[in-house]
Amino acid sequence: MKVAIGADHGGYDLKEQIKQLLNEMNIEVEDAGCDCSQSVDYADYGLPVAEKVARGDVDRGILICGTGIGMSIAANKVKGVRCALVHDLFSAKATREHNDTNVLAMGARVIGPGVALEIVRIWLSTEFEGGRHLQRIGKIAEYENKGNEG
């Protein structure tokens, strides 16, 4: 598995901890930045990660900012991305099983690193159930593909 990871200044420290976990899990990591704790714009890091996922350059993406909200909004603007903002273990599992999410967003100022690392473990190891859920995400993809004409 290959995972792209990106963060703004608010998520930089947690990103570095997650990269270490991914290395320990023998998961290839592509770091899209940022590389500092100086103020930067989350979209500059969230959009490139989401685009890598949408193109199939990587299998999944992980995004971290202060709350995770900005990153999740940015990522979900990219066609083909299903990004979930997750701050608990149940949602980490459910969003993979039911929504087949391919990008995970978290807020470093909302949860601690222990929970965040466990969320990443669960999210990466949980498979999509398919079945009735396939039809549901298919409806979203169909809407997305028609250009959101309403």
N, C-alpha and C. Protein backbone atom coordinates (compact mmCIF):
# COMPACT_ATOMS: atom_id res chain seq x y z
N MET A 1 0.84 -1.18 0.00
CA MET A 1 0.00 0.00 0.00
C MET A 1 0.88 1.24 0.00
N LYS A 2 0.41 2.27 -0.71
CA LYS A 2 1.12 3.54 -0.77
C LYS A 2 0.16 4.64 -0.32
N VAL A 3 0.61 5.46 0.63
CA VAL A 3 -0.23 6.50 1.21
C VAL A 3 0.45 7.86 1.05
N ALA A 4 -0.31 8.84 0.57
CA ALA A 4 0.16 10.22 0.55
C ALA A 4 -0.34 10.90 1.82
N ILE A 5 0.50 11.74 2.39
CA ILE A 5 0.13 12.43 3.62
C ILE A 5 0.47 13.90 3.48
N GLY A 6 -0.41 14.74 4.02
CA GLY A 6 -0.17 16.17 3.98
C GLY A 6 -0.76 16.84 5.20
N ALA A 7 -0.19 17.97 5.56
CA ALA A 7 -0.65 18.72 6.72
C ALA A 7 -0.33 20.19 6.54
N ASP A 8 -1.09 21.02 7.24
CA ASP A 8 -0.70 22.41 7.36
C ASP A 8 0.10 22.56 8.65
N HIS A 9 0.38 23.78 9.03
CA HIS A 9 1.19 24.02 10.23
C HIS A 9 0.56 23.43 11.49
N GLY A 10 -0.77 23.45 11.57
CA GLY A 10 -1.46 22.91 12.74
C GLY A 10 -1.35 21.41 12.86
N GLY A 11 -1.10 20.74 11.76
CA GLY A 11 -1.01 19.28 11.76
C GLY A 11 0.38 18.72 11.54
N TYR A 12 1.36 19.62 11.42
CA TYR A 12 2.71 19.18 11.08
C TYR A 12 3.27 18.14 12.07
N ASP A 13 3.21 18.41 13.35
CA ASP A 13 3.78 17.48 14.34
C ASP A 13 3.10 16.11 14.29
N LEU A 14 1.77 16.11 14.19
CA LEU A 14 1.05 14.84 14.13
C LEU A 14 1.38 14.11 12.82
N LYS A 15 1.53 14.84 11.74
CA LYS A 15 1.91 14.22 10.46
C LYS A 15 3.21 13.44 10.60
N GLU A 16 4.17 14.04 11.27
CA GLU A 16 5.46 13.38 11.45
C GLU A 16 5.32 12.10 12.27
N GLN A 17 4.45 12.10 13.27
CA GLN A 17 4.21 10.90 14.08
C GLN A 17 3.50 9.82 13.25
N ILE A 18 2.57 10.23 12.42
CA ILE A 18 1.86 9.27 11.56
C ILE A 18 2.81 8.68 10.53
N LYS A 19 3.71 9.47 10.00
CA LYS A 19 4.70 8.95 9.05
C LYS A 19 5.53 7.85 9.70
N GLN A 20 5.91 8.06 10.93
CA GLN A 20 6.69 7.04 11.65
C GLN A 20 5.88 5.76 11.80
N LEU A 21 4.60 5.88 12.15
CA LEU A 21 3.73 4.71 12.25
C LEU A 21 3.64 3.98 10.91
N LEU A 22 3.42 4.72 9.83
CA LEU A 22 3.30 4.11 8.51
C LEU A 22 4.58 3.37 8.14
N ASN A 23 5.72 3.94 8.45
CA ASN A 23 6.99 3.25 8.20
C ASN A 23 7.07 1.95 8.99
N GLU A 24 6.65 1.99 10.26
CA GLU A 24 6.64 0.78 11.09
C GLU A 24 5.70 -0.28 10.53
N MET A 25 4.62 0.16 9.86
CA MET A 25 3.65 -0.75 9.25
C MET A 25 4.08 -1.21 7.86
N ASN A 26 5.27 -0.80 7.44
CA ASN A 26 5.80 -1.11 6.10
C ASN A 26 4.90 -0.60 4.98
N ILE A 27 4.36 0.59 5.20
CA ILE A 27 3.52 1.25 4.20
C ILE A 27 4.36 2.36 3.57
N GLU A 28 4.39 2.38 2.25
CA GLU A 28 5.14 3.41 1.55
C GLU A 28 4.44 4.75 1.74
N VAL A 29 5.21 5.78 2.08
CA VAL A 29 4.66 7.10 2.39
C VAL A 29 5.18 8.13 1.40
N GLU A 30 4.29 8.92 0.88
CA GLU A 30 4.65 10.06 0.05
C GLU A 30 4.22 11.31 0.79
N ASP A 31 5.17 12.08 1.27
CA ASP A 31 4.91 13.27 2.07
C ASP A 31 4.75 14.48 1.15
N ALA A 32 3.56 15.06 1.16
CA ALA A 32 3.27 16.22 0.32
C ALA A 32 3.47 17.54 1.07
N GLY A 33 4.00 17.48 2.29
CA GLY A 33 4.24 18.67 3.09
C GLY A 33 3.08 18.93 4.03
N CYS A 34 3.18 19.97 4.78
CA CYS A 34 4.22 20.96 4.86
C CYS A 34 5.37 20.45 5.74
N ASP A 35 6.43 21.22 5.78
CA ASP A 35 7.60 20.77 6.53
C ASP A 35 8.01 21.75 7.61
N CYS A 36 7.00 22.46 8.18
CA CYS A 36 7.29 23.45 9.21
C CYS A 36 6.04 23.72 10.05
N SER A 37 6.23 24.47 11.11
CA SER A 37 5.09 24.86 11.93
C SER A 37 4.73 26.33 11.71
N GLN A 38 5.26 26.93 10.63
CA GLN A 38 4.91 28.30 10.25
C GLN A 38 3.57 28.27 9.52
N SER A 39 2.80 29.32 9.65
CA SER A 39 1.47 29.38 9.06
C SER A 39 1.51 29.17 7.54
N VAL A 40 0.70 28.22 7.08
CA VAL A 40 0.54 27.92 5.65
C VAL A 40 -0.95 27.68 5.38
N ASP A 41 -1.32 27.59 4.13
CA ASP A 41 -2.71 27.36 3.75
C ASP A 41 -2.98 25.87 3.54
N TYR A 42 -3.98 25.33 4.24
CA TYR A 42 -4.26 23.89 4.19
C TYR A 42 -4.55 23.39 2.78
N ALA A 43 -5.19 24.20 1.95
CA ALA A 43 -5.54 23.75 0.60
C ALA A 43 -4.29 23.45 -0.24
N ASP A 44 -3.19 24.14 0.05
CA ASP A 44 -1.95 23.91 -0.69
C ASP A 44 -1.39 22.51 -0.47
N TYR A 45 -1.83 21.84 0.57
CA TYR A 45 -1.35 20.49 0.89
C TYR A 45 -2.47 19.46 0.76
N GLY A 46 -3.69 19.85 1.06
CA GLY A 46 -4.82 18.93 0.95
C GLY A 46 -5.19 18.58 -0.48
N LEU A 47 -5.20 19.58 -1.34
CA LEU A 47 -5.58 19.32 -2.73
C LEU A 47 -4.60 18.41 -3.46
N PRO A 48 -3.28 18.63 -3.35
CA PRO A 48 -2.36 17.71 -4.03
C PRO A 48 -2.46 16.27 -3.54
N VAL A 49 -2.68 16.07 -2.24
CA VAL A 49 -2.85 14.70 -1.74
C VAL A 49 -4.11 14.08 -2.34
N ALA A 50 -5.21 14.82 -2.33
CA ALA A 50 -6.46 14.31 -2.90
C ALA A 50 -6.32 14.01 -4.38
N GLU A 51 -5.61 14.85 -5.11
CA GLU A 51 -5.40 14.61 -6.54
C GLU A 51 -4.58 13.35 -6.78
N LYS A 52 -3.60 13.09 -5.95
CA LYS A 52 -2.80 11.86 -6.07
C LYS A 52 -3.69 10.63 -5.88
N VAL A 53 -4.60 10.70 -4.92
CA VAL A 53 -5.52 9.59 -4.68
C VAL A 53 -6.45 9.43 -5.88
N ALA A 54 -7.03 10.52 -6.35
CA ALA A 54 -7.97 10.47 -7.47
C ALA A 54 -7.33 9.92 -8.74
N ARG A 55 -6.06 10.25 -8.97
CA ARG A 55 -5.35 9.76 -10.17
C ARG A 55 -4.90 8.31 -10.02
N GLY A 56 -4.89 7.80 -8.78
CA GLY A 56 -4.41 6.45 -8.56
C GLY A 56 -2.91 6.37 -8.35
N ASP A 57 -2.26 7.51 -8.14
CA ASP A 57 -0.82 7.51 -7.87
C ASP A 57 -0.52 6.86 -6.52
N VAL A 58 -1.47 6.97 -5.59
CA VAL A 58 -1.37 6.35 -4.26
C VAL A 58 -2.70 5.67 -3.97
N ASP A 59 -2.66 4.76 -3.01
CA ASP A 59 -3.88 4.03 -2.66
C ASP A 59 -4.82 4.85 -1.78
N ARG A 60 -4.23 5.60 -0.83
CA ARG A 60 -5.03 6.39 0.09
C ARG A 60 -4.29 7.66 0.47
N GLY A 61 -5.03 8.58 1.10
CA GLY A 61 -4.44 9.82 1.56
C GLY A 61 -4.83 10.10 3.00
N ILE A 62 -3.92 10.78 3.71
CA ILE A 62 -4.18 11.20 5.08
C ILE A 62 -3.84 12.68 5.18
N LEU A 63 -4.78 13.45 5.74
CA LEU A 63 -4.63 14.90 5.85
C LEU A 63 -4.85 15.36 7.28
N ILE A 64 -4.01 16.28 7.74
CA ILE A 64 -4.13 16.78 9.10
C ILE A 64 -4.00 18.30 9.10
N CYS A 65 -4.94 18.95 9.75
CA CYS A 65 -4.83 20.38 10.03
C CYS A 65 -5.28 20.57 11.48
N GLY A 66 -5.54 21.79 11.89
CA GLY A 66 -5.92 22.02 13.28
C GLY A 66 -7.18 21.30 13.68
N THR A 67 -8.22 21.41 12.86
CA THR A 67 -9.50 20.75 13.15
C THR A 67 -9.79 19.59 12.20
N GLY A 68 -9.14 19.56 11.06
CA GLY A 68 -9.44 18.58 10.02
C GLY A 68 -10.53 19.04 9.08
N ILE A 69 -11.23 20.08 9.45
CA ILE A 69 -12.37 20.55 8.65
C ILE A 69 -11.92 21.13 7.32
N GLY A 70 -10.96 22.04 7.34
CA GLY A 70 -10.49 22.65 6.09
C GLY A 70 -9.94 21.62 5.13
N MET A 71 -9.15 20.70 5.65
CA MET A 71 -8.58 19.65 4.80
C MET A 71 -9.67 18.78 4.19
N SER A 72 -10.68 18.42 4.98
CA SER A 72 -11.73 17.55 4.44
C SER A 72 -12.55 18.28 3.38
N ILE A 73 -12.81 19.55 3.59
CA ILE A 73 -13.56 20.32 2.59
C ILE A 73 -12.75 20.39 1.29
N ALA A 74 -11.48 20.72 1.41
CA ALA A 74 -10.63 20.81 0.21
C ALA A 74 -10.57 19.48 -0.53
N ALA A 75 -10.29 18.41 0.19
CA ALA A 75 -10.14 17.10 -0.44
C ALA A 75 -11.41 16.67 -1.16
N ASN A 76 -12.56 16.95 -0.57
CA ASN A 76 -13.82 16.51 -1.17
C ASN A 76 -14.22 17.32 -2.40
N LYS A 77 -13.47 18.33 -2.75
CA LYS A 77 -13.69 19.06 -4.00
C LYS A 77 -13.07 18.33 -5.18
N VAL A 78 -12.21 17.36 -4.92
CA VAL A 78 -11.54 16.62 -5.98
C VAL A 78 -12.41 15.43 -6.39
N LYS A 79 -12.74 15.38 -7.66
CA LYS A 79 -13.59 14.32 -8.18
C LYS A 79 -12.98 12.95 -7.90
N GLY A 80 -13.78 12.06 -7.35
CA GLY A 80 -13.33 10.71 -7.06
C GLY A 80 -12.82 10.52 -5.65
N VAL A 81 -12.76 11.59 -4.88
CA VAL A 81 -12.29 11.49 -3.50
C VAL A 81 -13.48 11.39 -2.56
N ARG A 82 -13.36 10.48 -1.62
CA ARG A 82 -14.33 10.35 -0.53
C ARG A 82 -13.53 10.51 0.76
N CYS A 83 -13.48 11.75 1.24
CA CYS A 83 -12.70 12.07 2.44
C CYS A 83 -13.63 12.15 3.63
N ALA A 84 -13.22 11.52 4.72
CA ALA A 84 -13.99 11.57 5.97
C ALA A 84 -13.16 12.23 7.05
N LEU A 85 -13.80 13.12 7.78
CA LEU A 85 -13.20 13.74 8.96
C LEU A 85 -13.51 12.83 10.14
N VAL A 86 -12.46 12.29 10.76
CA VAL A 86 -12.64 11.27 11.79
C VAL A 86 -11.87 11.64 13.06
N HIS A 87 -12.58 11.53 14.20
CA HIS A 87 -11.95 11.78 15.50
C HIS A 87 -12.24 10.69 16.51
N ASP A 88 -12.79 9.56 16.06
CA ASP A 88 -13.06 8.45 16.98
C ASP A 88 -12.87 7.12 16.25
N LEU A 89 -12.66 6.07 17.02
CA LEU A 89 -12.34 4.76 16.46
C LEU A 89 -13.51 4.13 15.71
N PHE A 90 -14.72 4.29 16.22
CA PHE A 90 -15.89 3.71 15.55
C PHE A 90 -16.04 4.28 14.14
N SER A 91 -15.92 5.60 14.03
CA SER A 91 -16.07 6.24 12.71
C SER A 91 -14.95 5.84 11.76
N ALA A 92 -13.75 5.63 12.29
CA ALA A 92 -12.63 5.21 11.45
C ALA A 92 -12.95 3.89 10.76
N LYS A 93 -13.54 2.98 11.50
CA LYS A 93 -13.91 1.67 10.94
C LYS A 93 -15.12 1.79 10.02
N ALA A 94 -16.14 2.49 10.46
CA ALA A 94 -17.38 2.60 9.69
C ALA A 94 -17.19 3.32 8.36
N THR A 95 -16.33 4.33 8.34
CA THR A 95 -16.14 5.08 7.10
C THR A 95 -15.43 4.26 6.03
N ARG A 96 -14.68 3.27 6.44
CA ARG A 96 -14.08 2.36 5.46
C ARG A 96 -15.09 1.29 5.07
N GLU A 97 -15.75 0.69 6.04
CA GLU A 97 -16.69 -0.39 5.76
C GLU A 97 -17.88 0.07 4.92
N HIS A 98 -18.41 1.23 5.22
CA HIS A 98 -19.66 1.67 4.60
C HIS A 98 -19.47 2.70 3.49
N ASN A 99 -18.44 3.51 3.57
CA ASN A 99 -18.27 4.61 2.62
C ASN A 99 -17.08 4.45 1.69
N ASP A 100 -16.27 3.43 1.90
CA ASP A 100 -15.08 3.19 1.09
C ASP A 100 -14.25 4.46 0.94
N THR A 101 -14.05 5.17 2.05
CA THR A 101 -13.29 6.41 1.98
C THR A 101 -11.87 6.12 1.55
N ASN A 102 -11.33 7.06 0.77
CA ASN A 102 -9.97 6.91 0.29
C ASN A 102 -9.05 8.01 0.83
N VAL A 103 -9.62 8.96 1.56
CA VAL A 103 -8.83 9.99 2.24
C VAL A 103 -9.39 10.15 3.65
N LEU A 104 -8.47 10.24 4.59
CA LEU A 104 -8.79 10.43 6.01
C LEU A 104 -8.31 11.81 6.42
N ALA A 105 -9.18 12.58 7.09
CA ALA A 105 -8.80 13.88 7.64
C ALA A 105 -8.96 13.83 9.15
N MET A 106 -8.01 14.48 9.84
CA MET A 106 -8.07 14.56 11.29
C MET A 106 -7.62 15.94 11.74
N GLY A 107 -8.05 16.31 12.95
CA GLY A 107 -7.67 17.58 13.54
C GLY A 107 -6.70 17.38 14.68
N ALA A 108 -5.49 17.88 14.53
CA ALA A 108 -4.46 17.70 15.55
C ALA A 108 -4.79 18.46 16.83
N ARG A 109 -5.63 19.48 16.74
CA ARG A 109 -6.01 20.25 17.93
C ARG A 109 -7.28 19.70 18.56
N VAL A 110 -7.82 18.65 17.96
CA VAL A 110 -9.06 18.05 18.45
C VAL A 110 -8.78 16.74 19.19
N ILE A 111 -7.86 15.95 18.68
CA ILE A 111 -7.53 14.66 19.29
C ILE A 111 -6.04 14.58 19.56
N GLY A 112 -5.69 13.73 20.47
CA GLY A 112 -4.28 13.52 20.79
C GLY A 112 -3.65 12.52 19.85
N PRO A 113 -2.33 12.42 19.89
CA PRO A 113 -1.63 11.52 18.98
C PRO A 113 -1.95 10.04 19.21
N GLY A 114 -2.22 9.63 20.44
CA GLY A 114 -2.55 8.22 20.69
C GLY A 114 -3.79 7.78 19.95
N VAL A 115 -4.85 8.57 20.05
CA VAL A 115 -6.10 8.27 19.34
C VAL A 115 -5.89 8.38 17.84
N ALA A 116 -5.19 9.41 17.41
CA ALA A 116 -4.96 9.61 15.98
C ALA A 116 -4.23 8.42 15.36
N LEU A 117 -3.22 7.92 16.03
CA LEU A 117 -2.47 6.78 15.50
C LEU A 117 -3.33 5.53 15.44
N GLU A 118 -4.18 5.34 16.43
CA GLU A 118 -5.09 4.18 16.41
C GLU A 118 -6.13 4.32 15.30
N ILE A 119 -6.61 5.54 15.07
CA ILE A 119 -7.53 5.80 13.95
C ILE A 119 -6.87 5.41 12.63
N VAL A 120 -5.63 5.81 12.45
CA VAL A 120 -4.91 5.48 11.22
C VAL A 120 -4.78 3.98 11.07
N ARG A 121 -4.41 3.28 12.14
CA ARG A 121 -4.28 1.81 12.07
C ARG A 121 -5.60 1.16 11.65
N ILE A 122 -6.68 1.57 12.30
CA ILE A 122 -8.00 1.00 11.99
C ILE A 122 -8.40 1.33 10.56
N TRP A 123 -8.25 2.58 10.19
CA TRP A 123 -8.69 3.03 8.87
C TRP A 123 -7.93 2.31 7.76
N LEU A 124 -6.64 2.10 7.95
CA LEU A 124 -5.84 1.43 6.92
C LEU A 124 -6.09 -0.07 6.87
N SER A 125 -6.52 -0.67 7.95
CA SER A 125 -6.69 -2.13 7.98
C SER A 125 -8.13 -2.58 7.74
N THR A 126 -9.07 -1.67 7.63
CA THR A 126 -10.47 -2.02 7.45
C THR A 126 -10.82 -2.03 5.97
N GLU A 127 -11.48 -3.09 5.55
CA GLU A 127 -11.89 -3.24 4.15
C GLU A 127 -13.31 -2.72 3.94
N PHE A 128 -13.61 -2.32 2.73
CA PHE A 128 -14.95 -1.92 2.33
C PHE A 128 -15.84 -3.15 2.25
N GLU A 129 -17.05 -3.06 2.80
CA GLU A 129 -17.98 -4.19 2.82
C GLU A 129 -18.66 -4.43 1.49
N GLY A 130 -18.80 -3.41 0.68
CA GLY A 130 -19.52 -3.56 -0.59
C GLY A 130 -21.00 -3.73 -0.34
N GLY A 131 -21.65 -4.63 -1.09
CA GLY A 131 -23.08 -4.88 -0.90
C GLY A 131 -23.90 -3.62 -1.07
N ARG A 132 -24.82 -3.42 -0.13
CA ARG A 132 -25.73 -2.27 -0.21
C ARG A 132 -24.97 -0.95 -0.19
N HIS A 133 -23.78 -0.95 0.38
CA HIS A 133 -22.99 0.29 0.46
C HIS A 133 -22.45 0.68 -0.90
N LEU A 134 -22.20 -0.29 -1.76
CA LEU A 134 -21.72 -0.01 -3.11
C LEU A 134 -22.74 0.81 -3.88
N GLN A 135 -24.00 0.46 -3.76
CA GLN A 135 -25.07 1.20 -4.42
C GLN A 135 -25.12 2.64 -3.90
N ARG A 136 -24.92 2.82 -2.63
CA ARG A 136 -25.01 4.15 -2.02
C ARG A 136 -23.87 5.06 -2.48
N ILE A 137 -22.65 4.55 -2.48
CA ILE A 137 -21.56 5.41 -2.95
C ILE A 137 -21.63 5.58 -4.46
N GLY A 138 -22.24 4.61 -5.14
CA GLY A 138 -22.46 4.74 -6.58
C GLY A 138 -23.36 5.91 -6.91
N LYS A 139 -24.35 6.16 -6.09
CA LYS A 139 -25.24 7.31 -6.30
C LYS A 139 -24.48 8.62 -6.17
N ILE A 140 -23.55 8.67 -5.23
CA ILE A 140 -22.74 9.88 -5.06
C ILE A 140 -21.84 10.07 -6.28
N ALA A 141 -21.22 9.00 -6.74
CA ALA A 141 -20.34 9.08 -7.91
C ALA A 141 -21.13 9.49 -9.15
N GLU A 142 -22.34 8.97 -9.28
CA GLU A 142 -23.18 9.32 -10.43
C GLU A 142 -23.49 10.82 -10.41
N TYR A 143 -23.83 11.35 -9.27
CA TYR A 143 -24.10 12.78 -9.13
C TYR A 143 -22.84 13.59 -9.46
N GLU A 144 -21.73 13.16 -8.93
CA GLU A 144 -20.45 13.84 -9.15
C GLU A 144 -20.12 13.85 -10.65
N ASN A 145 -20.38 12.76 -11.33
CA ASN A 145 -20.03 12.64 -12.76
C ASN A 145 -20.94 13.44 -13.68
N LYS A 146 -22.12 13.78 -13.23
CA LYS A 146 -23.00 14.56 -14.10
C LYS A 146 -22.74 16.06 -13.98
N GLY A 147 -21.73 16.43 -13.18
CA GLY A 147 -21.30 17.81 -13.14
C GLY A 147 -22.02 18.67 -12.13
N ASN A 148 -22.73 18.06 -11.19
CA ASN A 148 -23.41 18.81 -10.13
C ASN A 148 -24.37 19.87 -10.68
N GLU A 149 -25.08 19.51 -11.75
CA GLU A 149 -25.99 20.46 -12.38
C GLU A 149 -27.29 20.59 -11.61
N GLY A 150 -27.44 19.77 -10.59
CA GLY A 150 -28.62 19.88 -9.73
C GLY A 150 -29.78 19.20 -10.30
